Every structure is written in C-alpha cells, then in structure tokens.
Amino acid sequence: MKKNQAFTILAQSGGTRAARIITDNISKLSRWRVRLIARALKHGMPVAKIIHQKWFYGLAFYTNKHTLDPRPDTETLVEAVISDKPQHPRILDLGTGTGCIISALVKNICDSSGTGIDKSYAAIRVARKNVKNLGLSDRIKIEHGSFNKKNTVSEKFDIIVSNPPYIAYGDKRVDKSAKHDPKIALYAKNNGLAAYQDIAQNAKNWIKQSGRIYVEIGTGQAREIKSIFKTNGWQYVRGEKDLSGIIRVLIFTFSA
C-alpha cells in the first residue's frame, strides 16, 4: 500500500498526528497491516505501542505490551534528582519497566551508575534492550527483583527512585490508552498505596546514610504517602510539581 493511502486510513481511525508518526516510523505497511493498526487505534492503543518507541527526556526507548510507556509526568522525577546535583551516585530504580528513569539519570549525571530491578521478566528484557541501545551496559545492571522483599537488594545506594503502581483498583479515571499497559505496572491494593508501604519499609535496607528516595505519586496521594514514609522512619524533604501544577514527586531521606 502506498504511504498516502495508509495515511488516509490511519488518520480516519486515530487522527492525523498518529497517522503521521506511524507512517514515518513503519516502512512496510501492507493493506492487512494497516487494517490491524487502524483497528488498534480505534480501540485506544497508544501510538508508542504500535511503533514500539517512546521518547523520554530526550532519549528514544523501546516499549511493548509488557511495559508501561514512559510518560511526561515521570520526567518530573528525573528533574528532581538532577536538580539536587548528586556527585557520582549509585542509583537504584525500583520497578524499572523500560529502564527509562535510571537510563535518563545515568545519561545526565556525571560518573553515575546503578541497578534497575523489576519482577517481570518480560520487562527486564525490554529494559536491558534499552540500556544496551543507549550504550549504558557498563554503567547500569538490570536484575530480577521485587521491592516487597527485604532481601531483594544486597547493596546500599545513594539514591533510590521509583514510579510504582499507584492506581486503585476500580478507579474510573483511567484513560483507555492505559488499558494497553500491563496491569501490574498500574494498579495497587490498599487504594493504590500498597507499593509505597512496601518501599517505605524495605528501602531502608538499601539506602546509604542520609541517602534520598524519590517516588512518583498519583493525584491527591501526597498526604497519605508522607504518612506512610514518616511511620517507617523517613524524613520528608520536599515535593515537586509536574507541568500541570500537581504534586507528582515526593522526596525523603533516611538516617539510621
């Protein structure tokens, strides 16, 4: 099928912007494939899931159905870490997914290195692919692990970052594009707070003296998450707002 024909069909299903991105990034568009993509667009599938690429903090990341697509809100977390000007830090990324957070940090912080962990083996394969593509294999390790187990990590880090699942089961505000992301990366028990309880409890064992943890949070969760971390011995440092003016990142420090 000719490119302009594919564009017309895809634009009718997902809009001109989506059609342009797809036709610019997929070279072979048979009539059969265009029909499949058009159907996917009608069902709300994000363009990133179709072309298997999403840009984040100026870097291109491979993504698929096994990983949460990198989102602009999460760049707030990266900015928060970089603005603190850490010196050659060791960084731990909990629930690394595509590896976008730790990769963006290591790319932009001199002499930094670290580890990303995820409980999904499929996500680990994606993160390792991205780390390799970005030329960071000598500075970042991607390993299997879960933040709800105390013995998952044996090393202590200067910085811990995480964008854990924080959507409550049954939340009607979730847009239809998120339905194409893995549920394990989106939803958490206890009204979306279960992951923070696990992280606050276990990350104390993985942080260096006076190290900092940066966590992305959902809208309206700041008060409850502050309480969770305070109960587990963390000291609140500050919050950071996203471009919409919503508190998106909370920062804590820990002193044994």
C-alpha atoms as a PDB file:
ATOM      1  CA  MET A   1       0.000   0.000   0.000  1.00  0.00           C
ATOM      2  CA  LYS A   2       1.241   3.482  -0.817  1.00  0.00           C
ATOM      3  CA  LYS A   3       2.168   5.743   2.090  1.00  0.00           C
ATOM      4  CA  ASN A   4      -0.512   8.338   1.329  1.00  0.00           C
ATOM      5  CA  GLN A   5      -3.196   5.657   1.202  1.00  0.00           C
ATOM      6  CA  ALA A   6      -2.110   4.244   4.548  1.00  0.00           C
ATOM      7  CA  PHE A   7      -2.032   7.756   6.000  1.00  0.00           C
ATOM      8  CA  THR A   8      -5.624   8.419   4.963  1.00  0.00           C
ATOM      9  CA  ILE A   9      -6.924   5.197   6.509  1.00  0.00           C
ATOM     10  CA  LEU A  10      -4.970   5.634   9.755  1.00  0.00           C
ATOM     11  CA  ALA A  11      -5.974   9.294  10.076  1.00  0.00           C
ATOM     12  CA  GLN A  12      -9.613   8.275   9.972  1.00  0.00           C
ATOM     13  CA  SER A  13      -9.024   5.860  12.852  1.00  0.00           C
ATOM     14  CA  GLY A  14      -6.589   7.752  15.084  1.00  0.00           C
ATOM     15  CA  GLY A  15      -6.154  11.293  13.804  1.00  0.00           C
ATOM     16  CA  THR A  16      -3.580  12.930  11.565  1.00  0.00           C
ATOM     17  CA  ARG A  17      -0.828  13.121  14.185  1.00  0.00           C
ATOM     18  CA  ALA A  18      -0.986   9.410  14.923  1.00  0.00           C
ATOM     19  CA  ALA A  19      -1.110   8.609  11.215  1.00  0.00           C
ATOM     20  CA  ARG A  20       1.934  10.765  10.519  1.00  0.00           C
ATOM     21  CA  ILE A  21       4.012   9.184  13.284  1.00  0.00           C
ATOM     22  CA  ILE A  22       3.096   5.655  12.237  1.00  0.00           C
ATOM     23  CA  THR A  23       3.735   6.140   8.521  1.00  0.00           C
ATOM     24  CA  ASP A  24       7.029   7.871   9.270  1.00  0.00           C
ATOM     25  CA  ASN A  25       8.246   5.064  11.523  1.00  0.00           C
ATOM     26  CA  ILE A  26       6.946   1.906   9.835  1.00  0.00           C
ATOM     27  CA  SER A  27       8.379   1.344   6.372  1.00  0.00           C
ATOM     28  CA  LYS A  28       6.376  -1.686   5.262  1.00  0.00           C
ATOM     29  CA  LEU A  29       2.643  -1.069   5.521  1.00  0.00           C
ATOM     30  CA  SER A  30       0.689  -3.760   3.736  1.00  0.00           C
ATOM     31  CA  ARG A  31      -3.073  -3.418   3.419  1.00  0.00           C
ATOM     32  CA  TRP A  32      -3.507  -6.154   6.030  1.00  0.00           C
ATOM     33  CA  ARG A  33      -1.168  -4.448   8.496  1.00  0.00           C
ATOM     34  CA  VAL A  34      -2.802  -1.053   8.020  1.00  0.00           C
ATOM     35  CA  ARG A  35      -6.179  -2.581   8.815  1.00  0.00           C
ATOM     36  CA  LEU A  36      -4.813  -4.131  12.014  1.00  0.00           C
ATOM     37  CA  ILE A  37      -3.228  -0.848  13.093  1.00  0.00           C
ATOM     38  CA  ALA A  38      -6.412   1.090  12.284  1.00  0.00           C
ATOM     39  CA  ARG A  39      -8.392  -1.306  14.453  1.00  0.00           C
ATOM     40  CA  ALA A  40      -5.881  -0.927  17.285  1.00  0.00           C
ATOM     41  CA  LEU A  41      -6.130   2.877  17.099  1.00  0.00           C
ATOM     42  CA  LYS A  42      -9.917   2.705  17.304  1.00  0.00           C
ATOM     43  CA  HIS A  43      -9.538   0.664  20.499  1.00  0.00           C
ATOM     44  CA  GLY A  44      -7.295   3.311  22.055  1.00  0.00           C
ATOM     45  CA  MET A  45      -3.922   1.670  21.626  1.00  0.00           C
ATOM     46  CA  PRO A  46      -1.179   4.311  22.078  1.00  0.00           C
ATOM     47  CA  VAL A  47       0.988   5.040  19.056  1.00  0.00           C
ATOM     48  CA  ALA A  48       4.055   4.110  21.112  1.00  0.00           C
ATOM     49  CA  LYS A  49       2.744   0.561  21.457  1.00  0.00           C
ATOM     50  CA  ILE A  50       2.285   0.369  17.688  1.00  0.00           C
ATOM     51  CA  ILE A  51       5.690   1.694  16.628  1.00  0.00           C
ATOM     52  CA  HIS A  52       7.384   0.281  19.764  1.00  0.00           C
ATOM     53  CA  GLN A  53       9.080   3.554  20.588  1.00  0.00           C
ATOM     54  CA  LYS A  54       8.534   6.387  23.065  1.00  0.00           C
ATOM     55  CA  TRP A  55      10.749   9.403  23.683  1.00  0.00           C
ATOM     56  CA  PHE A  56      11.548  10.291  27.274  1.00  0.00           C
ATOM     57  CA  TYR A  57      13.860  13.025  28.494  1.00  0.00           C
ATOM     58  CA  GLY A  58      15.334  13.371  25.006  1.00  0.00           C
ATOM     59  CA  LEU A  59      16.032   9.644  24.628  1.00  0.00           C
ATOM     60  CA  ALA A  60      14.269   7.025  22.500  1.00  0.00           C
ATOM     61  CA  PHE A  61      13.060   3.927  24.349  1.00  0.00           C
ATOM     62  CA  TYR A  62      11.759   0.643  23.006  1.00  0.00           C
ATOM     63  CA  THR A  63       8.413  -0.272  24.566  1.00  0.00           C
ATOM     64  CA  ASN A  64       5.872  -3.044  24.162  1.00  0.00           C
ATOM     65  CA  LYS A  65       2.822  -4.570  25.829  1.00  0.00           C
ATOM     66  CA  HIS A  66       4.909  -5.769  28.770  1.00  0.00           C
ATOM     67  CA  THR A  67       5.981  -2.291  29.886  1.00  0.00           C
ATOM     68  CA  LEU A  68       4.416   0.978  30.933  1.00  0.00           C
ATOM     69  CA  ASP A  69       5.016   3.603  28.258  1.00  0.00           C
ATOM     70  CA  PRO A  70       7.276   6.405  29.571  1.00  0.00           C
ATOM     71  CA  ARG A  71       5.157   9.466  30.354  1.00  0.00           C
ATOM     72  CA  PRO A  72       5.992  13.184  30.548  1.00  0.00           C
ATOM     73  CA  ASP A  73       4.893  13.324  34.205  1.00  0.00           C
ATOM     74  CA  THR A  74       7.743  10.994  35.119  1.00  0.00           C
ATOM     75  CA  GLU A  75      10.270  13.480  33.764  1.00  0.00           C
ATOM     76  CA  THR A  76       9.453  15.467  36.919  1.00  0.00           C
ATOM     77  CA  LEU A  77      11.151  12.725  38.925  1.00  0.00           C
ATOM     78  CA  VAL A  78      14.261  12.806  36.734  1.00  0.00           C
ATOM     79  CA  GLU A  79      14.422  16.595  37.001  1.00  0.00           C
ATOM     80  CA  ALA A  80      14.116  16.408  40.792  1.00  0.00           C
ATOM     81  CA  VAL A  81      17.124  14.111  41.089  1.00  0.00           C
ATOM     82  CA  ILE A  82      19.282  16.079  38.653  1.00  0.00           C
ATOM     83  CA  SER A  83      18.435  19.398  40.336  1.00  0.00           C
ATOM     84  CA  ASP A  84      19.914  18.092  43.593  1.00  0.00           C
ATOM     85  CA  LYS A  85      23.282  17.780  41.815  1.00  0.00           C
ATOM     86  CA  PRO A  86      24.329  14.402  43.246  1.00  0.00           C
ATOM     87  CA  GLN A  87      28.031  13.552  42.992  1.00  0.00           C
ATOM     88  CA  HIS A  88      28.853  10.230  41.216  1.00  0.00           C
ATOM     89  CA  PRO A  89      25.873   8.476  42.821  1.00  0.00           C
ATOM     90  CA  ARG A  90      24.898   4.840  42.834  1.00  0.00           C
ATOM     91  CA  ILE A  91      21.226   4.696  41.874  1.00  0.00           C
ATOM     92  CA  LEU A  92      18.591   2.009  42.444  1.00  0.00           C
ATOM     93  CA  ASP A  93      15.431   2.023  40.314  1.00  0.00           C
ATOM     94  CA  LEU A  94      12.555   0.037  41.802  1.00  0.00           C
ATOM     95  CA  GLY A  95      10.178  -1.364  39.185  1.00  0.00           C
ATOM     96  CA  THR A  96      12.303  -0.202  36.302  1.00  0.00           C
ATOM     97  CA  GLY A  97       9.956  -1.154  33.427  1.00  0.00           C
ATOM     98  CA  THR A  98      11.523   0.168  30.225  1.00  0.00           C
ATOM     99  CA  GLY A  99      14.511   1.405  32.227  1.00  0.00           C
ATOM    100  CA  CYS A 100      13.703   4.980  31.223  1.00  0.00           C
ATOM    101  CA  ILE A 101      14.228   6.588  34.646  1.00  0.00           C
ATOM    102  CA  ILE A 102      17.595   5.109  35.519  1.00  0.00           C
ATOM    103  CA  SER A 103      18.823   5.451  31.930  1.00  0.00           C
ATOM    104  CA  ALA A 104      17.889   9.144  31.773  1.00  0.00           C
ATOM    105  CA  LEU A 105      19.590   9.752  35.114  1.00  0.00           C
ATOM    106  CA  VAL A 106      22.801   7.923  34.274  1.00  0.00           C
ATOM    107  CA  LYS A 107      22.949   9.657  30.881  1.00  0.00           C
ATOM    108  CA  ASN A 108      22.708  13.065  32.547  1.00  0.00           C
ATOM    109  CA  ILE A 109      24.629  12.690  35.817  1.00  0.00           C
ATOM    110  CA  CYS A 110      28.399  12.509  35.547  1.00  0.00           C
ATOM    111  CA  ASP A 111      30.050   9.358  36.916  1.00  0.00           C
ATOM    112  CA  SER A 112      26.720   7.838  37.946  1.00  0.00           C
ATOM    113  CA  SER A 113      25.786   4.181  37.767  1.00  0.00           C
ATOM    114  CA  GLY A 114      23.192   1.866  39.171  1.00  0.00           C
ATOM    115  CA  THR A 115      20.772  -1.019  39.093  1.00  0.00           C
ATOM    116  CA  GLY A 116      17.189  -1.365  37.935  1.00  0.00           C
ATOM    117  CA  ILE A 117      15.016  -4.168  39.275  1.00  0.00           C
ATOM    118  CA  ASP A 118      11.665  -5.494  38.118  1.00  0.00           C
ATOM    119  CA  LYS A 119       9.554  -8.532  38.990  1.00  0.00           C
ATOM    120  CA  SER A 120       8.517  -9.001  35.336  1.00  0.00           C
ATOM    121  CA  TYR A 121      10.993 -10.988  33.253  1.00  0.00           C
ATOM    122  CA  ALA A 122       9.408  -9.568  30.100  1.00  0.00           C
ATOM    123  CA  ALA A 123      10.005  -6.020  31.342  1.00  0.00           C
ATOM    124  CA  ILE A 124      13.590  -6.924  32.218  1.00  0.00           C
ATOM    125  CA  ARG A 125      14.218  -7.933  28.617  1.00  0.00           C
ATOM    126  CA  VAL A 126      12.874  -4.565  27.454  1.00  0.00           C
ATOM    127  CA  ALA A 127      14.974  -2.607  29.959  1.00  0.00           C
ATOM    128  CA  ARG A 128      18.136  -4.496  29.030  1.00  0.00           C
ATOM    129  CA  LYS A 129      17.465  -3.806  25.363  1.00  0.00           C
ATOM    130  CA  ASN A 130      17.161  -0.087  26.063  1.00  0.00           C
ATOM    131  CA  VAL A 131      20.249   0.030  28.260  1.00  0.00           C
ATOM    132  CA  LYS A 132      22.227  -1.660  25.505  1.00  0.00           C
ATOM    133  CA  ASN A 133      20.825   0.609  22.782  1.00  0.00           C
ATOM    134  CA  LEU A 134      21.816   3.670  24.806  1.00  0.00           C
ATOM    135  CA  GLY A 135      25.343   2.406  25.351  1.00  0.00           C
ATOM    136  CA  LEU A 136      24.920   2.149  29.117  1.00  0.00           C
ATOM    137  CA  SER A 137      25.563  -1.556  29.688  1.00  0.00           C
ATOM    138  CA  ASP A 138      28.796  -0.815  31.551  1.00  0.00           C
ATOM    139  CA  ARG A 139      27.016   1.549  33.969  1.00  0.00           C
ATOM    140  CA  ILE A 140      23.581   0.007  34.500  1.00  0.00           C
ATOM    141  CA  LYS A 141      22.581  -3.503  35.517  1.00  0.00           C
ATOM    142  CA  ILE A 142      19.015  -4.731  35.140  1.00  0.00           C
ATOM    143  CA  GLU A 143      18.101  -7.528  37.516  1.00  0.00           C
ATOM    144  CA  HIS A 144      15.074  -9.531  38.596  1.00  0.00           C
ATOM    145  CA  GLY A 145      13.656  -8.482  41.933  1.00  0.00           C
ATOM    146  CA  SER A 146      10.700  -7.027  43.814  1.00  0.00           C
ATOM    147  CA  PHE A 147      10.545  -4.115  46.239  1.00  0.00           C
ATOM    148  CA  ASN A 148       8.210  -6.054  48.527  1.00  0.00           C
ATOM    149  CA  LYS A 149      11.002  -8.392  49.584  1.00  0.00           C
ATOM    150  CA  LYS A 150      13.627  -7.199  52.057  1.00  0.00           C
ATOM    151  CA  ASN A 151      16.422  -9.393  50.686  1.00  0.00           C
ATOM    152  CA  THR A 152      15.922  -8.417  47.028  1.00  0.00           C
ATOM    153  CA  VAL A 153      18.840  -5.979  47.148  1.00  0.00           C
ATOM    154  CA  SER A 154      22.147  -6.556  48.947  1.00  0.00           C
ATOM    155  CA  GLU A 155      23.912  -3.281  48.094  1.00  0.00           C
ATOM    156  CA  LYS A 156      23.260   0.173  49.556  1.00  0.00           C
ATOM    157  CA  PHE A 157      22.668   3.121  47.220  1.00  0.00           C
ATOM    158  CA  ASP A 158      22.981   6.901  47.365  1.00  0.00           C
ATOM    159  CA  ILE A 159      19.705   7.412  45.528  1.00  0.00           C
ATOM    160  CA  ILE A 160      16.594   5.310  45.121  1.00  0.00           C
ATOM    161  CA  VAL A 161      13.941   6.173  42.536  1.00  0.00           C
ATOM    162  CA  SER A 162      10.613   4.598  41.746  1.00  0.00           C
ATOM    163  CA  ASN A 163       7.463   5.081  39.730  1.00  0.00           C
ATOM    164  CA  PRO A 164       5.476   2.279  41.342  1.00  0.00           C
ATOM    165  CA  PRO A 165       1.892   1.236  40.572  1.00  0.00           C
ATOM    166  CA  TYR A 166      -0.376   3.721  42.347  1.00  0.00           C
ATOM    167  CA  ILE A 167      -3.828   3.469  40.771  1.00  0.00           C
ATOM    168  CA  ALA A 168      -6.569   1.993  42.934  1.00  0.00           C
ATOM    169  CA  TYR A 169      -8.424  -0.999  41.532  1.00  0.00           C
ATOM    170  CA  GLY A 170     -11.704   0.166  40.053  1.00  0.00           C
ATOM    171  CA  ASP A 171     -10.601   3.769  39.536  1.00  0.00           C
ATOM    172  CA  LYS A 172     -12.828   5.081  36.731  1.00  0.00           C
ATOM    173  CA  ARG A 173     -10.466   7.949  35.835  1.00  0.00           C
ATOM    174  CA  VAL A 174      -8.001   5.704  33.987  1.00  0.00           C
ATOM    175  CA  ASP A 175      -7.945   6.641  30.306  1.00  0.00           C
ATOM    176  CA  LYS A 176      -8.464   3.939  27.710  1.00  0.00           C
ATOM    177  CA  SER A 177      -4.859   4.098  26.466  1.00  0.00           C
ATOM    178  CA  ALA A 178      -3.639   2.858  29.859  1.00  0.00           C
ATOM    179  CA  LYS A 179      -5.646  -0.319  29.310  1.00  0.00           C
ATOM    180  CA  HIS A 180      -2.895  -1.372  26.916  1.00  0.00           C
ATOM    181  CA  ASP A 181      -0.241  -1.140  29.653  1.00  0.00           C
ATOM    182  CA  PRO A 182       0.437  -4.099  31.979  1.00  0.00           C
ATOM    183  CA  LYS A 183      -1.875  -4.003  34.992  1.00  0.00           C
ATOM    184  CA  ILE A 184       0.992  -4.925  37.284  1.00  0.00           C
ATOM    185  CA  ALA A 185       2.605  -1.545  36.491  1.00  0.00           C
ATOM    186  CA  LEU A 186      -0.578   0.448  37.091  1.00  0.00           C
ATOM    187  CA  TYR A 187      -2.693  -0.929  39.916  1.00  0.00           C
ATOM    188  CA  ALA A 188      -2.022  -1.494  43.597  1.00  0.00           C
ATOM    189  CA  LYS A 189      -4.047  -2.667  46.551  1.00  0.00           C
ATOM    190  CA  ASN A 190      -4.989  -0.540  49.560  1.00  0.00           C
ATOM    191  CA  ASN A 191      -6.461   2.205  47.391  1.00  0.00           C
ATOM    192  CA  GLY A 192      -3.269   2.425  45.335  1.00  0.00           C
ATOM    193  CA  LEU A 193      -0.914   2.737  48.324  1.00  0.00           C
ATOM    194  CA  ALA A 194       0.364  -0.817  48.805  1.00  0.00           C
ATOM    195  CA  ALA A 195       3.568  -0.323  46.802  1.00  0.00           C
ATOM    196  CA  TYR A 196       4.562   2.708  48.877  1.00  0.00           C
ATOM    197  CA  GLN A 197       4.102   0.725  52.067  1.00  0.00           C
ATOM    198  CA  ASP A 198       6.446  -1.966  50.747  1.00  0.00           C
ATOM    199  CA  ILE A 199       9.009   0.571  49.513  1.00  0.00           C
ATOM    200  CA  ALA A 200       8.983   2.637  52.718  1.00  0.00           C
ATOM    201  CA  GLN A 201       9.511  -0.482  54.790  1.00  0.00           C
ATOM    202  CA  ASN A 202      12.147  -2.260  52.698  1.00  0.00           C
ATOM    203  CA  ALA A 203      14.129   0.555  51.070  1.00  0.00           C
ATOM    204  CA  LYS A 204      15.588   1.477  54.477  1.00  0.00           C
ATOM    205  CA  ASN A 205      17.836  -1.543  53.980  1.00  0.00           C
ATOM    206  CA  TRP A 206      19.034  -0.350  50.561  1.00  0.00           C
ATOM    207  CA  ILE A 207      19.834   3.322  51.212  1.00  0.00           C
ATOM    208  CA  LYS A 208      23.104   4.806  52.428  1.00  0.00           C
ATOM    209  CA  GLN A 209      23.195   7.082  55.453  1.00  0.00           C
ATOM    210  CA  SER A 210      21.356  10.318  54.536  1.00  0.00           C
ATOM    211  CA  GLY A 211      20.630   8.994  51.053  1.00  0.00           C
ATOM    212  CA  ARG A 212      17.467  10.114  49.288  1.00  0.00           C
ATOM    213  CA  ILE A 213      14.490   8.373  47.755  1.00  0.00           C
ATOM    214  CA  TYR A 214      12.367   9.959  45.010  1.00  0.00           C
ATOM    215  CA  VAL A 215       8.918   8.472  44.342  1.00  0.00           C
ATOM    216  CA  GLU A 216       6.321   9.416  41.763  1.00  0.00           C
ATOM    217  CA  ILE A 217       2.791   9.597  43.161  1.00  0.00           C
ATOM    218  CA  GLY A 218      -0.770   9.890  41.918  1.00  0.00           C
ATOM    219  CA  THR A 219      -3.003  12.935  42.177  1.00  0.00           C
ATOM    220  CA  GLY A 220      -4.085  13.619  45.743  1.00  0.00           C
ATOM    221  CA  GLN A 221      -1.906  10.944  47.348  1.00  0.00           C
ATOM    222  CA  ALA A 222       0.746  13.200  48.911  1.00  0.00           C
ATOM    223  CA  ARG A 223      -0.641  13.360  52.458  1.00  0.00           C
ATOM    224  CA  GLU A 224      -1.142   9.603  52.808  1.00  0.00           C
ATOM    225  CA  ILE A 225       2.234   8.716  51.291  1.00  0.00           C
ATOM    226  CA  LYS A 226       4.037  11.211  53.528  1.00  0.00           C
ATOM    227  CA  SER A 227       2.411   9.498  56.495  1.00  0.00           C
ATOM    228  CA  ILE A 228       3.483   6.043  55.278  1.00  0.00           C
ATOM    229  CA  PHE A 229       7.122   7.084  54.945  1.00  0.00           C
ATOM    230  CA  LYS A 230       7.142   9.002  58.237  1.00  0.00           C
ATOM    231  CA  THR A 231       5.777   5.957  60.059  1.00  0.00           C
ATOM    232  CA  ASN A 232       8.683   3.941  58.642  1.00  0.00           C
ATOM    233  CA  GLY A 233      11.340   6.392  59.841  1.00  0.00           C
ATOM    234  CA  TRP A 234      11.874   8.536  56.738  1.00  0.00           C
ATOM    235  CA  GLN A 235      12.172  12.319  56.858  1.00  0.00           C
ATOM    236  CA  TYR A 236      10.271  14.384  54.307  1.00  0.00           C
ATOM    237  CA  VAL A 237      12.446  16.680  52.187  1.00  0.00           C
ATOM    238  CA  ARG A 238      10.109  18.273  49.627  1.00  0.00           C
ATOM    239  CA  GLY A 239       7.573  17.708  46.872  1.00  0.00           C
ATOM    240  CA  GLU A 240       7.883  18.547  43.192  1.00  0.00           C
ATOM    241  CA  LYS A 241       5.002  19.587  40.919  1.00  0.00           C
ATOM    242  CA  ASP A 242       4.534  18.475  37.325  1.00  0.00           C
ATOM    243  CA  LEU A 243       3.749  20.846  34.451  1.00  0.00           C
ATOM    244  CA  SER A 244       0.070  20.801  35.436  1.00  0.00           C
ATOM    245  CA  GLY A 245       0.884  22.083  38.923  1.00  0.00           C
ATOM    246  CA  ILE A 246       0.101  18.749  40.581  1.00  0.00           C
ATOM    247  CA  ILE A 247       2.460  17.342  43.207  1.00  0.00           C
ATOM    248  CA  ARG A 248       3.960  14.436  41.286  1.00  0.00           C
ATOM    249  CA  VAL A 249       7.130  13.534  43.198  1.00  0.00           C
ATOM    250  CA  LEU A 250       7.900  13.213  46.908  1.00  0.00           C
ATOM    251  CA  ILE A 251      11.440  13.143  48.269  1.00  0.00           C
ATOM    252  CA  PHE A 252      12.537  11.600  51.549  1.00  0.00           C
ATOM    253  CA  THR A 253      15.825  10.958  53.305  1.00  0.00           C
ATOM    254  CA  PHE A 254      16.759   8.299  55.835  1.00  0.00           C
ATOM    255  CA  SER A 255      19.157   8.470  58.762  1.00  0.00           C
ATOM    256  CA  ALA A 256      19.520   5.319  60.803  1.00  0.00           C
END
